[in-house]
Amino acid sequence: MKSLRALHHWHSLDTP
């Protein structure tokens, strides 16, 4: 599941 990993990374990048 690449989507799951991408989502997790996205959240990390969304952090201020």
PDB file of N, CA and C in Angstrom:
ATOM      1  N   MET A   1       0.842  -1.205   0.000  1.00  0.00           N
ATOM      2  CA  MET A   1       0.000   0.000   0.000  1.00  0.00           C
ATOM      3  C   MET A   1       0.874   1.251   0.000  1.00  0.00           C
ATOM      4  N   LYS A   2       0.987   1.869  -1.138  1.00  0.00           N
ATOM      5  CA  LYS A   2       1.830   3.070  -1.235  1.00  0.00           C
ATOM      6  C   LYS A   2       1.034   4.305  -0.783  1.00  0.00           C
ATOM      7  N   SER A   3      -0.267   4.235  -0.962  1.00  0.00           N
ATOM      8  CA  SER A   3      -1.122   5.374  -0.607  1.00  0.00           C
ATOM      9  C   SER A   3      -1.040   5.663   0.893  1.00  0.00           C
ATOM     10  N   LEU A   4      -1.042   4.570   1.670  1.00  0.00           N
ATOM     11  CA  LEU A   4      -0.995   4.724   3.129  1.00  0.00           C
ATOM     12  C   LEU A   4       0.293   5.428   3.541  1.00  0.00           C
ATOM     13  N   ARG A   5       1.387   5.019   2.926  1.00  0.00           N
ATOM     14  CA  ARG A   5       2.701   5.592   3.287  1.00  0.00           C
ATOM     15  C   ARG A   5       2.732   7.065   2.845  1.00  0.00           C
ATOM     16  N   ALA A   6       2.209   7.337   1.681  1.00  0.00           N
ATOM     17  CA  ALA A   6       2.213   8.704   1.148  1.00  0.00           C
ATOM     18  C   ALA A   6       1.365   9.608   2.053  1.00  0.00           C
ATOM     19  N   LEU A   7       0.259   9.067   2.529  1.00  0.00           N
ATOM     20  CA  LEU A   7      -0.624   9.852   3.392  1.00  0.00           C
ATOM     21  C   LEU A   7       0.096  10.218   4.683  1.00  0.00           C
ATOM     22  N   HIS A   8       0.806   9.252   5.224  1.00  0.00           N
ATOM     23  CA  HIS A   8       1.536   9.480   6.476  1.00  0.00           C
ATOM     24  C   HIS A   8       2.595  10.564   6.285  1.00  0.00           C
ATOM     25  N   HIS A   9       3.265  10.511   5.153  1.00  0.00           N
ATOM     26  CA  HIS A   9       4.322  11.484   4.872  1.00  0.00           C
ATOM     27  C   HIS A   9       3.714  12.870   4.684  1.00  0.00           C
ATOM     28  N   TRP A  10       2.546  12.883   4.057  1.00  0.00           N
ATOM     29  CA  TRP A  10       1.865  14.155   3.804  1.00  0.00           C
ATOM     30  C   TRP A  10       1.557  14.865   5.115  1.00  0.00           C
ATOM     31  N   HIS A  11       1.062  14.088   6.067  1.00  0.00           N
ATOM     32  CA  HIS A  11       0.715  14.648   7.377  1.00  0.00           C
ATOM     33  C   HIS A  11       1.952  15.222   8.050  1.00  0.00           C
ATOM     34  N   SER A  12       3.062  14.541   7.881  1.00  0.00           N
ATOM     35  CA  SER A  12       4.322  14.976   8.507  1.00  0.00           C
ATOM     36  C   SER A  12       4.767  16.304   7.889  1.00  0.00           C
ATOM     37  N   LEU A  13       4.494  16.451   6.590  1.00  0.00           N
ATOM     38  CA  LEU A  13       4.911  17.669   5.895  1.00  0.00           C
ATOM     39  C   LEU A  13       3.940  18.811   6.190  1.00  0.00           C
ATOM     40  N   ASP A  14       2.704  18.427   6.518  1.00  0.00           N
ATOM     41  CA  ASP A  14       1.680  19.432   6.802  1.00  0.00           C
ATOM     42  C   ASP A  14       1.933  20.103   8.152  1.00  0.00           C
ATOM     43  N   THR A  15       2.826  19.498   8.949  1.00  0.00           N
ATOM     44  CA  THR A  15       3.108  20.042  10.284  1.00  0.00           C
ATOM     45  C   THR A  15       3.940  21.321  10.184  1.00  0.00           C
ATOM     46  N   PRO A  16       3.602  22.302  10.961  1.00  0.00           N
ATOM     47  CA  PRO A  16       4.291  23.594  10.943  1.00  0.00           C
ATOM     48  C   PRO A  16       5.692  23.516  11.544  1.00  0.00           C
TER      49      PRO A  16
END
